[in-house]
Amino acid sequence: MQRTIILDESQKKILTNHAIKQAPAESCALLFGFQKDDTTTIKEVFLTENIENSPANFTISNDELLSGYQEAEKKGLDVVGIFHSHPFSKASPSITDKTFMTINPVVWIIFSNVDEEMNAYILESEVIPVKIKIL
């Protein structure tokens, strides 16, 4: 069965604008929502700061991660996804992304500033593409 992540047009725009605004550094965000079977539904975007300010990596501070998880819990949601951008490359997981996907087993959405493409992936036994459905 194909994994799917659902977000609305305004959430996509928020993420895309964040990626464009943060370039040439990678942008990042937490995605709040819920998981049912093979479908992840995004209810809220929690924009974060890339404390590395790097075009090739991103790190969300521990304080901001804690704040994000607390905010999601307060709203009765889970952190179900991670978003980040690739300012100078395609929207596919880098070697570093794959390493961190093992620690954060949620859907990862990657936006490429190069071709303005957005793709999603999850790491199970291997990296699996996730279909993005925009409402």
C-alpha atoms as a PDB file:
ATOM      1  CA  MET A   1       0.000   0.000   0.000  1.00  0.00           C
ATOM      2  CA  GLN A   2       1.276   3.479  -0.923  1.00  0.00           C
ATOM      3  CA  ARG A   3       2.087   5.750   2.021  1.00  0.00           C
ATOM      4  CA  THR A   4       0.482   9.200   1.741  1.00  0.00           C
ATOM      5  CA  ILE A   5       0.943  12.523   3.514  1.00  0.00           C
ATOM      6  CA  ILE A   6      -1.852  15.087   3.296  1.00  0.00           C
ATOM      7  CA  LEU A   7      -1.380  18.817   3.676  1.00  0.00           C
ATOM      8  CA  ASP A   8      -3.382  21.758   2.472  1.00  0.00           C
ATOM      9  CA  GLU A   9      -2.358  24.413  -0.018  1.00  0.00           C
ATOM     10  CA  SER A  10      -1.748  27.037   2.709  1.00  0.00           C
ATOM     11  CA  GLN A  11       0.597  24.676   4.605  1.00  0.00           C
ATOM     12  CA  LYS A  12       2.504  23.951   1.395  1.00  0.00           C
ATOM     13  CA  LYS A  13       2.819  27.702   0.780  1.00  0.00           C
ATOM     14  CA  ILE A  14       4.076  28.321   4.351  1.00  0.00           C
ATOM     15  CA  LEU A  15       6.763  25.646   3.913  1.00  0.00           C
ATOM     16  CA  THR A  16       7.772  26.815   0.441  1.00  0.00           C
ATOM     17  CA  ASN A  17       7.990  30.450   1.542  1.00  0.00           C
ATOM     18  CA  HIS A  18      10.061  29.430   4.584  1.00  0.00           C
ATOM     19  CA  ALA A  19      12.495  27.560   2.299  1.00  0.00           C
ATOM     20  CA  ILE A  20      12.823  30.529  -0.051  1.00  0.00           C
ATOM     21  CA  LYS A  21      13.237  33.021   2.803  1.00  0.00           C
ATOM     22  CA  GLN A  22      15.918  30.965   4.595  1.00  0.00           C
ATOM     23  CA  ALA A  23      18.040  30.326   1.473  1.00  0.00           C
ATOM     24  CA  PRO A  24      20.928  29.933   1.025  1.00  0.00           C
ATOM     25  CA  ALA A  25      20.648  28.000   4.317  1.00  0.00           C
ATOM     26  CA  GLU A  26      18.454  24.928   4.684  1.00  0.00           C
ATOM     27  CA  SER A  27      15.100  25.682   6.295  1.00  0.00           C
ATOM     28  CA  CYS A  28      13.365  23.301   8.701  1.00  0.00           C
ATOM     29  CA  ALA A  29      10.042  22.729  10.429  1.00  0.00           C
ATOM     30  CA  LEU A  30       8.100  20.218  12.496  1.00  0.00           C
ATOM     31  CA  LEU A  31       4.781  18.945  11.161  1.00  0.00           C
ATOM     32  CA  PHE A  32       1.951  18.308  13.617  1.00  0.00           C
ATOM     33  CA  GLY A  33      -0.981  16.022  12.860  1.00  0.00           C
ATOM     34  CA  PHE A  34      -2.020  12.417  13.109  1.00  0.00           C
ATOM     35  CA  GLN A  35      -1.319   9.049  11.541  1.00  0.00           C
ATOM     36  CA  LYS A  36      -4.005   6.580  10.469  1.00  0.00           C
ATOM     37  CA  ASP A  37      -2.943   3.401   8.688  1.00  0.00           C
ATOM     38  CA  ASP A  38      -0.724   4.464   5.768  1.00  0.00           C
ATOM     39  CA  THR A  39      -1.918   8.094   5.766  1.00  0.00           C
ATOM     40  CA  THR A  40      -0.323  10.974   7.652  1.00  0.00           C
ATOM     41  CA  THR A  41      -2.437  14.132   7.899  1.00  0.00           C
ATOM     42  CA  ILE A  42      -0.762  17.465   8.667  1.00  0.00           C
ATOM     43  CA  LYS A  43      -2.843  19.811  10.788  1.00  0.00           C
ATOM     44  CA  GLU A  44      -0.233  22.423  11.650  1.00  0.00           C
ATOM     45  CA  VAL A  45       3.220  23.588  10.584  1.00  0.00           C
ATOM     46  CA  PHE A  46       5.695  24.611  13.310  1.00  0.00           C
ATOM     47  CA  LEU A  47       8.484  26.604  11.649  1.00  0.00           C
ATOM     48  CA  THR A  48      11.896  26.244  13.270  1.00  0.00           C
ATOM     49  CA  GLU A  49      15.316  27.815  12.982  1.00  0.00           C
ATOM     50  CA  ASN A  50      18.280  26.018  11.476  1.00  0.00           C
ATOM     51  CA  ILE A  51      20.859  26.820  14.146  1.00  0.00           C
ATOM     52  CA  GLU A  52      23.638  25.616  11.806  1.00  0.00           C
ATOM     53  CA  ASN A  53      22.646  28.258   9.221  1.00  0.00           C
ATOM     54  CA  SER A  54      24.136  25.847   6.678  1.00  0.00           C
ATOM     55  CA  PRO A  55      23.296  25.211   3.019  1.00  0.00           C
ATOM     56  CA  ALA A  56      24.020  21.482   3.487  1.00  0.00           C
ATOM     57  CA  ASN A  57      22.684  20.563   6.959  1.00  0.00           C
ATOM     58  CA  PHE A  58      20.069  21.563   9.471  1.00  0.00           C
ATOM     59  CA  THR A  59      19.774  21.312  13.226  1.00  0.00           C
ATOM     60  CA  ILE A  60      16.795  22.316  15.340  1.00  0.00           C
ATOM     61  CA  SER A  61      17.841  23.385  18.845  1.00  0.00           C
ATOM     62  CA  ASN A  62      16.838  21.151  21.759  1.00  0.00           C
ATOM     63  CA  ASP A  63      14.845  24.052  23.249  1.00  0.00           C
ATOM     64  CA  GLU A  64      12.884  24.520  20.023  1.00  0.00           C
ATOM     65  CA  LEU A  65      12.316  20.762  19.664  1.00  0.00           C
ATOM     66  CA  LEU A  66      10.978  20.603  23.224  1.00  0.00           C
ATOM     67  CA  SER A  67       8.767  23.621  22.583  1.00  0.00           C
ATOM     68  CA  GLY A  68       7.444  21.995  19.388  1.00  0.00           C
ATOM     69  CA  TYR A  69       6.622  18.699  21.070  1.00  0.00           C
ATOM     70  CA  GLN A  70       4.913  20.530  23.950  1.00  0.00           C
ATOM     71  CA  GLU A  71       2.892  22.648  21.508  1.00  0.00           C
ATOM     72  CA  ALA A  72       1.778  19.566  19.579  1.00  0.00           C
ATOM     73  CA  GLU A  73       0.772  17.792  22.796  1.00  0.00           C
ATOM     74  CA  LYS A  74      -1.151  20.851  24.010  1.00  0.00           C
ATOM     75  CA  LYS A  75      -3.155  20.748  20.767  1.00  0.00           C
ATOM     76  CA  GLY A  76      -3.771  16.997  20.988  1.00  0.00           C
ATOM     77  CA  LEU A  77      -1.537  16.312  17.983  1.00  0.00           C
ATOM     78  CA  ASP A  78       1.653  14.376  17.371  1.00  0.00           C
ATOM     79  CA  VAL A  79       4.848  15.385  15.603  1.00  0.00           C
ATOM     80  CA  VAL A  80       4.268  13.303  12.461  1.00  0.00           C
ATOM     81  CA  GLY A  81       6.731  14.856  10.047  1.00  0.00           C
ATOM     82  CA  ILE A  82       9.891  16.833   9.524  1.00  0.00           C
ATOM     83  CA  PHE A  83      10.333  19.369   6.743  1.00  0.00           C
ATOM     84  CA  HIS A  84      13.551  20.795   5.400  1.00  0.00           C
ATOM     85  CA  SER A  85      14.863  22.296   2.201  1.00  0.00           C
ATOM     86  CA  HIS A  86      17.764  21.622  -0.114  1.00  0.00           C
ATOM     87  CA  PRO A  87      18.809  25.053  -1.444  1.00  0.00           C
ATOM     88  CA  PHE A  88      21.213  23.682  -4.058  1.00  0.00           C
ATOM     89  CA  SER A  89      20.121  20.101  -4.734  1.00  0.00           C
ATOM     90  CA  LYS A  90      17.200  17.834  -5.552  1.00  0.00           C
ATOM     91  CA  ALA A  91      14.357  17.003  -3.171  1.00  0.00           C
ATOM     92  CA  SER A  92      15.678  13.585  -2.189  1.00  0.00           C
ATOM     93  CA  PRO A  93      17.313  12.410   1.042  1.00  0.00           C
ATOM     94  CA  SER A  94      21.029  13.053   1.408  1.00  0.00           C
ATOM     95  CA  ILE A  95      23.296  10.609   3.240  1.00  0.00           C
ATOM     96  CA  THR A  96      22.981  12.834   6.326  1.00  0.00           C
ATOM     97  CA  ASP A  97      19.175  12.878   5.990  1.00  0.00           C
ATOM     98  CA  LYS A  98      19.104   9.075   5.862  1.00  0.00           C
ATOM     99  CA  THR A  99      21.165   8.905   9.055  1.00  0.00           C
ATOM    100  CA  PHE A 100      18.761  11.196  10.899  1.00  0.00           C
ATOM    101  CA  MET A 101      15.701   9.452   9.458  1.00  0.00           C
ATOM    102  CA  THR A 102      16.696   6.424  11.554  1.00  0.00           C
ATOM    103  CA  ILE A 103      16.449   8.579  14.698  1.00  0.00           C
ATOM    104  CA  ASN A 104      13.237  10.337  13.577  1.00  0.00           C
ATOM    105  CA  PRO A 105      11.013   7.637  12.025  1.00  0.00           C
ATOM    106  CA  VAL A 106       8.388  10.030  10.661  1.00  0.00           C
ATOM    107  CA  VAL A 107       7.621  11.282   7.160  1.00  0.00           C
ATOM    108  CA  TRP A 108      10.266  13.672   5.867  1.00  0.00           C
ATOM    109  CA  ILE A 109       9.224  16.318   3.350  1.00  0.00           C
ATOM    110  CA  ILE A 110      12.070  17.841   1.358  1.00  0.00           C
ATOM    111  CA  PHE A 111      11.752  20.956  -0.814  1.00  0.00           C
ATOM    112  CA  SER A 112      14.285  21.702  -3.546  1.00  0.00           C
ATOM    113  CA  ASN A 113      14.916  25.412  -4.104  1.00  0.00           C
ATOM    114  CA  VAL A 114      16.604  24.434  -7.394  1.00  0.00           C
ATOM    115  CA  ASP A 115      13.509  23.095  -9.152  1.00  0.00           C
ATOM    116  CA  GLU A 116      10.823  24.033  -6.570  1.00  0.00           C
ATOM    117  CA  GLU A 117       9.898  20.378  -6.204  1.00  0.00           C
ATOM    118  CA  MET A 118       8.557  18.910  -2.953  1.00  0.00           C
ATOM    119  CA  ASN A 119       8.909  15.194  -2.199  1.00  0.00           C
ATOM    120  CA  ALA A 120       8.264  13.051   0.859  1.00  0.00           C
ATOM    121  CA  TYR A 121       9.963   9.941   2.203  1.00  0.00           C
ATOM    122  CA  ILE A 122       9.957   7.604   5.158  1.00  0.00           C
ATOM    123  CA  LEU A 123      12.656   5.198   6.268  1.00  0.00           C
ATOM    124  CA  GLU A 124      11.454   1.717   7.001  1.00  0.00           C
ATOM    125  CA  SER A 125      13.945  -0.988   6.061  1.00  0.00           C
ATOM    126  CA  GLU A 126      14.852   1.352   3.185  1.00  0.00           C
ATOM    127  CA  VAL A 127      13.906   4.873   2.093  1.00  0.00           C
ATOM    128  CA  ILE A 128      10.397   4.737   0.655  1.00  0.00           C
ATOM    129  CA  PRO A 129       8.761   7.556  -1.339  1.00  0.00           C
ATOM    130  CA  VAL A 130       5.564   8.916   0.210  1.00  0.00           C
ATOM    131  CA  LYS A 131       2.839  10.395  -1.977  1.00  0.00           C
ATOM    132  CA  ILE A 132       2.052  14.041  -1.193  1.00  0.00           C
ATOM    133  CA  LYS A 133      -1.638  14.896  -1.479  1.00  0.00           C
ATOM    134  CA  ILE A 134      -2.487  18.610  -1.460  1.00  0.00           C
ATOM    135  CA  LEU A 135      -6.031  19.585  -0.436  1.00  0.00           C
END
